[in-house]
Each structure stands twice: as C-alpha cells, then as structure tokens.
Amino acid sequence: MAFKDNSTIFPYVVVLKKKHSRAVELISLLATFIFILLLVYKLLTGTENWIFLALTIFGFSGLLVYNVNQFRRGKKTDMLISFTALASFFFLPLSASLLFLTLAFTRFLSTKKEEIGFADDHIVFKSVFSKKIRWEDLNNAMIKDGILTLDYKNNKIFQAETDDDEDEEDYIVSEEEFNAWCSHQLKT
C-alpha cells in the first residue's frame, strides 16, 4: 500500500496495532453514560424544555445501547463520545462540556492507527508528530510473525505488532517481499 506525504510516495506502509484502544472505547462509553445521568438529573430538577431534554436522553440511550453491543462483540464503537461532547455544549456548563470535548479528542488520538511509511531513502513514523529516520541509521528492518523490528545502529531496537486490517486485504504484502525490499534498501 502506498500513501503520499509531502511529495514522497511510500511504496510500503506498515500499520501498527493500538494497544489500549478497547480501554479508551470503554472510557468513552462510560463518559456517555455519565452524560445521560447528568441529563436525567437536569430533567428531574430543572425547568428547561423537558420534551427536548427527554428526547435527547432517549436518543443517547439508544446510541449507548447500540455501542455497548458493538463493544461486547469486539467490534469498534462509533464516535459516540464526539456526539456527547457536542451535545454537552447545549445542556451542561462550559467546564463540563470542555471535559467531554477533551475526552473526545483523546479518544480520537488514541484510536488513530499509527502508520510507518517506507520510502527509498527514509522511513517516516506518521502519527501526531511525524518522525523521519534515514536508512543509514539502521542495521536491520524486518517483519517476522507480524512483529515489525527496526534495529538502530545506536543499539536501540523498536518492535511493534502490525495490524492486518481485513478491509485492506488487497494491499497486504508478504513478509518475505517486504523484508527483501528492506534488505535491498539497507545495502544501497
């Protein structure tokens, strides 16, 4: 699979697995549950438009049940916390809304998969902050049994589990082909 970054086309892109994405999704679901509880409290104690508030509670409860079901099946949950953060600005004080917005942003950053692009003259770790590595700085780069290993000349080693996404089966390259290409890059 190739992606483009600042006029460089990467013939190989390795996607890394996120370690704590399930925990982050669970925290997002709990935050939405807390949001619903706050809305119920506001409904019971407030004098606001109770019909609009009740419909919002009903809608978010349905979304929460659906997302909890998805979570229990091991599937990814939707961006429910983003909707929660948006709705919180209508119903909650600014400080609480900013907290939900921070949770939504944290969920986005922590569930975004990290990609590593391999080009002819360098390697780029593409995440929140990109990091560029030259082939000259490495002794070896390879994938074995789904584990990417980068062996630096300064005796540091980077290892991470790769993510074989079922949606991108057309782009999957064999480990042998990737390792042969990396070997060639290290020699030249």
C-alpha atoms as a PDB file:
ATOM      1  CA  MET A   1       0.000   0.000   0.000  1.00  0.00           C
ATOM      2  CA  ALA A   2       1.331   3.443  -0.808  1.00  0.00           C
ATOM      3  CA  PHE A   3       0.464   6.773   0.714  1.00  0.00           C
ATOM      4  CA  LYS A   4       1.766  10.220  -0.107  1.00  0.00           C
ATOM      5  CA  ASP A   5       3.360  12.562   2.403  1.00  0.00           C
ATOM      6  CA  ASN A   6       5.000  15.868   1.465  1.00  0.00           C
ATOM      7  CA  SER A   7       5.694  14.822  -2.139  1.00  0.00           C
ATOM      8  CA  THR A   8       7.146  11.439  -1.085  1.00  0.00           C
ATOM      9  CA  ILE A   9       5.379   8.293  -2.195  1.00  0.00           C
ATOM     10  CA  PHE A  10       5.896   5.360   0.159  1.00  0.00           C
ATOM     11  CA  PRO A  11       5.848   2.010  -1.624  1.00  0.00           C
ATOM     12  CA  TYR A  12       5.326   0.224   1.700  1.00  0.00           C
ATOM     13  CA  VAL A  13       3.204   1.315   4.634  1.00  0.00           C
ATOM     14  CA  VAL A  14       3.045  -0.689   7.839  1.00  0.00           C
ATOM     15  CA  VAL A  15       0.082  -0.082  10.148  1.00  0.00           C
ATOM     16  CA  LEU A  16       0.694  -0.736  13.845  1.00  0.00           C
ATOM     17  CA  LYS A  17      -1.850  -2.126  16.288  1.00  0.00           C
ATOM     18  CA  LYS A  18      -3.108   0.151  19.008  1.00  0.00           C
ATOM     19  CA  LYS A  19      -2.563  -1.396  22.424  1.00  0.00           C
ATOM     20  CA  HIS A  20      -5.189   0.317  24.547  1.00  0.00           C
ATOM     21  CA  SER A  21      -7.975   1.117  22.095  1.00  0.00           C
ATOM     22  CA  ARG A  22     -10.510  -1.147  23.857  1.00  0.00           C
ATOM     23  CA  ALA A  23      -9.904   0.602  27.186  1.00  0.00           C
ATOM     24  CA  VAL A  24     -10.313   4.002  25.541  1.00  0.00           C
ATOM     25  CA  GLU A  25     -13.575   2.880  23.920  1.00  0.00           C
ATOM     26  CA  LEU A  26     -14.829   1.673  27.313  1.00  0.00           C
ATOM     27  CA  ILE A  27     -13.986   5.027  28.909  1.00  0.00           C
ATOM     28  CA  SER A  28     -15.882   6.759  26.091  1.00  0.00           C
ATOM     29  CA  LEU A  29     -18.933   4.592  26.738  1.00  0.00           C
ATOM     30  CA  LEU A  30     -18.759   5.346  30.464  1.00  0.00           C
ATOM     31  CA  ALA A  31     -18.473   9.071  29.742  1.00  0.00           C
ATOM     32  CA  THR A  32     -21.609   8.914  27.614  1.00  0.00           C
ATOM     33  CA  PHE A  33     -23.408   7.050  30.417  1.00  0.00           C
ATOM     34  CA  ILE A  34     -22.388   9.818  32.849  1.00  0.00           C
ATOM     35  CA  PHE A  35     -23.642  12.400  30.356  1.00  0.00           C
ATOM     36  CA  ILE A  36     -27.033  10.653  30.240  1.00  0.00           C
ATOM     37  CA  LEU A  37     -27.160  10.591  34.051  1.00  0.00           C
ATOM     38  CA  LEU A  38     -26.432  14.335  34.122  1.00  0.00           C
ATOM     39  CA  LEU A  39     -29.246  14.925  31.648  1.00  0.00           C
ATOM     40  CA  VAL A  40     -31.656  12.832  33.752  1.00  0.00           C
ATOM     41  CA  TYR A  41     -30.665  14.845  36.837  1.00  0.00           C
ATOM     42  CA  LYS A  42     -31.225  18.059  34.911  1.00  0.00           C
ATOM     43  CA  LEU A  43     -34.615  16.773  33.709  1.00  0.00           C
ATOM     44  CA  LEU A  44     -35.731  15.918  37.236  1.00  0.00           C
ATOM     45  CA  THR A  45     -34.529  19.141  38.862  1.00  0.00           C
ATOM     46  CA  GLY A  46     -34.673  21.746  36.104  1.00  0.00           C
ATOM     47  CA  THR A  47     -37.305  23.871  34.474  1.00  0.00           C
ATOM     48  CA  GLU A  48     -35.912  23.642  30.946  1.00  0.00           C
ATOM     49  CA  ASN A  49     -37.754  22.344  27.932  1.00  0.00           C
ATOM     50  CA  TRP A  50     -38.393  18.840  29.264  1.00  0.00           C
ATOM     51  CA  ILE A  51     -39.578  17.415  25.917  1.00  0.00           C
ATOM     52  CA  PHE A  52     -36.340  18.302  24.134  1.00  0.00           C
ATOM     53  CA  LEU A  53     -34.304  17.028  27.088  1.00  0.00           C
ATOM     54  CA  ALA A  54     -36.289  13.774  27.270  1.00  0.00           C
ATOM     55  CA  LEU A  55     -35.859  13.169  23.522  1.00  0.00           C
ATOM     56  CA  THR A  56     -32.125  13.772  23.856  1.00  0.00           C
ATOM     57  CA  ILE A  57     -31.904  11.312  26.752  1.00  0.00           C
ATOM     58  CA  PHE A  58     -33.875   8.745  24.749  1.00  0.00           C
ATOM     59  CA  GLY A  59     -31.679   9.219  21.656  1.00  0.00           C
ATOM     60  CA  PHE A  60     -28.385   8.992  23.528  1.00  0.00           C
ATOM     61  CA  SER A  61     -29.617   5.969  25.483  1.00  0.00           C
ATOM     62  CA  GLY A  62     -30.345   4.177  22.212  1.00  0.00           C
ATOM     63  CA  LEU A  63     -26.931   5.095  20.809  1.00  0.00           C
ATOM     64  CA  LEU A  64     -25.267   3.943  24.015  1.00  0.00           C
ATOM     65  CA  VAL A  65     -27.046   0.575  23.970  1.00  0.00           C
ATOM     66  CA  TYR A  66     -26.051   0.060  20.329  1.00  0.00           C
ATOM     67  CA  ASN A  67     -22.405   0.964  21.038  1.00  0.00           C
ATOM     68  CA  VAL A  68     -22.244  -1.236  24.158  1.00  0.00           C
ATOM     69  CA  ASN A  69     -23.497  -4.113  21.994  1.00  0.00           C
ATOM     70  CA  GLN A  70     -20.796  -3.385  19.414  1.00  0.00           C
ATOM     71  CA  PHE A  71     -18.181  -3.239  22.183  1.00  0.00           C
ATOM     72  CA  ARG A  72     -19.308  -6.592  23.640  1.00  0.00           C
ATOM     73  CA  ARG A  73     -18.976  -8.226  20.204  1.00  0.00           C
ATOM     74  CA  GLY A  74     -15.416  -6.965  19.912  1.00  0.00           C
ATOM     75  CA  LYS A  75     -16.257  -4.521  17.151  1.00  0.00           C
ATOM     76  CA  LYS A  76     -15.268  -0.889  17.060  1.00  0.00           C
ATOM     77  CA  THR A  77     -17.695   1.545  18.582  1.00  0.00           C
ATOM     78  CA  ASP A  78     -18.829   4.631  16.753  1.00  0.00           C
ATOM     79  CA  MET A  79     -17.621   8.073  17.674  1.00  0.00           C
ATOM     80  CA  LEU A  80     -20.342   8.369  20.315  1.00  0.00           C
ATOM     81  CA  ILE A  81     -18.169  10.493  22.604  1.00  0.00           C
ATOM     82  CA  SER A  82     -17.932  13.108  19.827  1.00  0.00           C
ATOM     83  CA  PHE A  83     -21.718  13.419  19.712  1.00  0.00           C
ATOM     84  CA  THR A  84     -21.756  13.528  23.500  1.00  0.00           C
ATOM     85  CA  ALA A  85     -19.194  16.337  23.542  1.00  0.00           C
ATOM     86  CA  LEU A  86     -21.199  18.317  21.003  1.00  0.00           C
ATOM     87  CA  ALA A  87     -24.488  17.846  22.854  1.00  0.00           C
ATOM     88  CA  SER A  88     -22.894  18.735  26.189  1.00  0.00           C
ATOM     89  CA  PHE A  89     -22.418  22.313  24.979  1.00  0.00           C
ATOM     90  CA  PHE A  90     -26.220  22.638  24.750  1.00  0.00           C
ATOM     91  CA  PHE A  91     -27.054  21.193  28.158  1.00  0.00           C
ATOM     92  CA  LEU A  92     -24.086  21.407  30.547  1.00  0.00           C
ATOM     93  CA  PRO A  93     -21.863  24.154  31.927  1.00  0.00           C
ATOM     94  CA  LEU A  94     -18.819  25.101  29.849  1.00  0.00           C
ATOM     95  CA  SER A  95     -16.344  23.341  32.164  1.00  0.00           C
ATOM     96  CA  ALA A  96     -18.169  20.009  31.843  1.00  0.00           C
ATOM     97  CA  SER A  97     -18.501  20.469  28.085  1.00  0.00           C
ATOM     98  CA  LEU A  98     -14.773  21.106  27.779  1.00  0.00           C
ATOM     99  CA  LEU A  99     -14.126  17.910  29.728  1.00  0.00           C
ATOM    100  CA  PHE A 100     -16.260  15.901  27.278  1.00  0.00           C
ATOM    101  CA  LEU A 101     -14.536  17.645  24.362  1.00  0.00           C
ATOM    102  CA  THR A 102     -11.143  16.685  25.812  1.00  0.00           C
ATOM    103  CA  LEU A 103     -12.301  13.076  26.154  1.00  0.00           C
ATOM    104  CA  ALA A 104     -13.469  13.071  22.528  1.00  0.00           C
ATOM    105  CA  PHE A 105     -10.138  14.475  21.336  1.00  0.00           C
ATOM    106  CA  THR A 106      -8.204  11.963  23.450  1.00  0.00           C
ATOM    107  CA  ARG A 107     -10.280   9.110  22.041  1.00  0.00           C
ATOM    108  CA  PHE A 108      -9.606  10.308  18.506  1.00  0.00           C
ATOM    109  CA  LEU A 109      -5.845  10.473  19.073  1.00  0.00           C
ATOM    110  CA  SER A 110      -5.605   7.178  20.924  1.00  0.00           C
ATOM    111  CA  THR A 111      -7.628   5.126  18.456  1.00  0.00           C
ATOM    112  CA  LYS A 112      -5.979   6.528  15.329  1.00  0.00           C
ATOM    113  CA  LYS A 113      -3.684   3.882  13.937  1.00  0.00           C
ATOM    114  CA  GLU A 114      -0.008   4.697  13.636  1.00  0.00           C
ATOM    115  CA  GLU A 115       1.468   4.219  10.186  1.00  0.00           C
ATOM    116  CA  ILE A 116       5.089   3.835   9.180  1.00  0.00           C
ATOM    117  CA  GLY A 117       5.932   4.728   5.598  1.00  0.00           C
ATOM    118  CA  PHE A 118       8.961   3.124   3.978  1.00  0.00           C
ATOM    119  CA  ALA A 119      10.488   5.092   1.072  1.00  0.00           C
ATOM    120  CA  ASP A 120      13.665   4.554  -0.940  1.00  0.00           C
ATOM    121  CA  ASP A 121      15.747   6.974   1.153  1.00  0.00           C
ATOM    122  CA  HIS A 122      13.948   7.214   4.519  1.00  0.00           C
ATOM    123  CA  ILE A 123      11.266   5.918   6.875  1.00  0.00           C
ATOM    124  CA  VAL A 124       8.537   8.117   8.372  1.00  0.00           C
ATOM    125  CA  PHE A 125       6.574   7.379  11.536  1.00  0.00           C
ATOM    126  CA  LYS A 126       3.249   9.028  10.789  1.00  0.00           C
ATOM    127  CA  SER A 127       1.338   9.839  13.970  1.00  0.00           C
ATOM    128  CA  VAL A 128       0.516  13.035  15.872  1.00  0.00           C
ATOM    129  CA  PHE A 129       4.110  14.162  15.341  1.00  0.00           C
ATOM    130  CA  SER A 130       5.942  12.673  12.373  1.00  0.00           C
ATOM    131  CA  LYS A 131       9.419  11.267  12.836  1.00  0.00           C
ATOM    132  CA  LYS A 132      11.846  10.700   9.965  1.00  0.00           C
ATOM    133  CA  ILE A 133      14.577   8.030  10.006  1.00  0.00           C
ATOM    134  CA  ARG A 134      17.266   7.515   7.404  1.00  0.00           C
ATOM    135  CA  TRP A 135      18.151   4.023   6.236  1.00  0.00           C
ATOM    136  CA  GLU A 136      21.785   4.765   7.175  1.00  0.00           C
ATOM    137  CA  ASP A 137      20.735   4.879  10.849  1.00  0.00           C
ATOM    138  CA  LEU A 138      19.539   1.252  10.794  1.00  0.00           C
ATOM    139  CA  ASN A 139      21.257  -2.124  10.937  1.00  0.00           C
ATOM    140  CA  ASN A 140      18.114  -4.024  10.025  1.00  0.00           C
ATOM    141  CA  ALA A 141      14.384  -3.604   9.343  1.00  0.00           C
ATOM    142  CA  MET A 142      12.053  -6.565   9.044  1.00  0.00           C
ATOM    143  CA  ILE A 143       8.675  -8.086   9.836  1.00  0.00           C
ATOM    144  CA  LYS A 144       8.554 -11.583  11.338  1.00  0.00           C
ATOM    145  CA  ASP A 145       5.347 -13.207  12.604  1.00  0.00           C
ATOM    146  CA  GLY A 146       3.505  -9.877  12.483  1.00  0.00           C
ATOM    147  CA  ILE A 147       6.134  -8.015  14.516  1.00  0.00           C
ATOM    148  CA  LEU A 148       7.951  -5.071  12.924  1.00  0.00           C
ATOM    149  CA  THR A 149      11.530  -4.738  14.149  1.00  0.00           C
ATOM    150  CA  LEU A 150      13.801  -1.773  13.485  1.00  0.00           C
ATOM    151  CA  ASP A 151      17.358  -2.313  14.717  1.00  0.00           C
ATOM    152  CA  TYR A 152      19.177   1.010  15.035  1.00  0.00           C
ATOM    153  CA  LYS A 153      22.957   1.403  14.806  1.00  0.00           C
ATOM    154  CA  ASN A 154      22.971   3.073  18.244  1.00  0.00           C
ATOM    155  CA  ASN A 155      21.837  -0.270  19.799  1.00  0.00           C
ATOM    156  CA  LYS A 156      18.190   0.783  20.150  1.00  0.00           C
ATOM    157  CA  ILE A 157      15.502  -1.594  18.945  1.00  0.00           C
ATOM    158  CA  PHE A 158      11.928  -0.703  18.032  1.00  0.00           C
ATOM    159  CA  GLN A 159       9.381  -3.520  17.960  1.00  0.00           C
ATOM    160  CA  ALA A 160       5.642  -3.282  17.425  1.00  0.00           C
ATOM    161  CA  GLU A 161       2.828  -5.573  16.378  1.00  0.00           C
ATOM    162  CA  THR A 162       1.434  -4.900  12.923  1.00  0.00           C
ATOM    163  CA  ASP A 163      -2.267  -4.623  12.235  1.00  0.00           C
ATOM    164  CA  ASP A 164      -3.595  -6.658   9.326  1.00  0.00           C
ATOM    165  CA  ASP A 165      -6.862  -4.861   8.667  1.00  0.00           C
ATOM    166  CA  GLU A 166      -9.419  -7.042   6.913  1.00  0.00           C
ATOM    167  CA  ASP A 167     -10.659  -4.018   4.956  1.00  0.00           C
ATOM    168  CA  GLU A 168      -7.339  -3.678   3.156  1.00  0.00           C
ATOM    169  CA  GLU A 169      -6.654  -7.265   2.082  1.00  0.00           C
ATOM    170  CA  ASP A 170      -5.898  -6.094  -1.460  1.00  0.00           C
ATOM    171  CA  TYR A 171      -2.839  -4.230  -0.177  1.00  0.00           C
ATOM    172  CA  ILE A 172      -1.308  -6.935   2.010  1.00  0.00           C
ATOM    173  CA  VAL A 173       2.265  -7.773   1.056  1.00  0.00           C
ATOM    174  CA  SER A 174       4.096 -10.889   2.197  1.00  0.00           C
ATOM    175  CA  GLU A 175       6.668 -10.542   4.944  1.00  0.00           C
ATOM    176  CA  GLU A 176       9.301 -12.066   2.647  1.00  0.00           C
ATOM    177  CA  GLU A 177       8.712  -9.454  -0.062  1.00  0.00           C
ATOM    178  CA  PHE A 178       8.841  -6.590   2.458  1.00  0.00           C
ATOM    179  CA  ASN A 179      11.966  -7.983   4.155  1.00  0.00           C
ATOM    180  CA  ALA A 180      13.724  -8.430   0.801  1.00  0.00           C
ATOM    181  CA  TRP A 181      12.920  -4.831  -0.143  1.00  0.00           C
ATOM    182  CA  CYS A 182      14.201  -3.566   3.243  1.00  0.00           C
ATOM    183  CA  SER A 183      17.381  -5.629   2.832  1.00  0.00           C
ATOM    184  CA  HIS A 184      17.956  -4.044  -0.552  1.00  0.00           C
ATOM    185  CA  GLN A 185      17.407  -0.528   0.907  1.00  0.00           C
ATOM    186  CA  LEU A 186      19.894  -1.191   3.715  1.00  0.00           C
ATOM    187  CA  LYS A 187      22.579  -2.315   1.250  1.00  0.00           C
ATOM    188  CA  THR A 188      22.246   0.706  -1.066  1.00  0.00           C
END
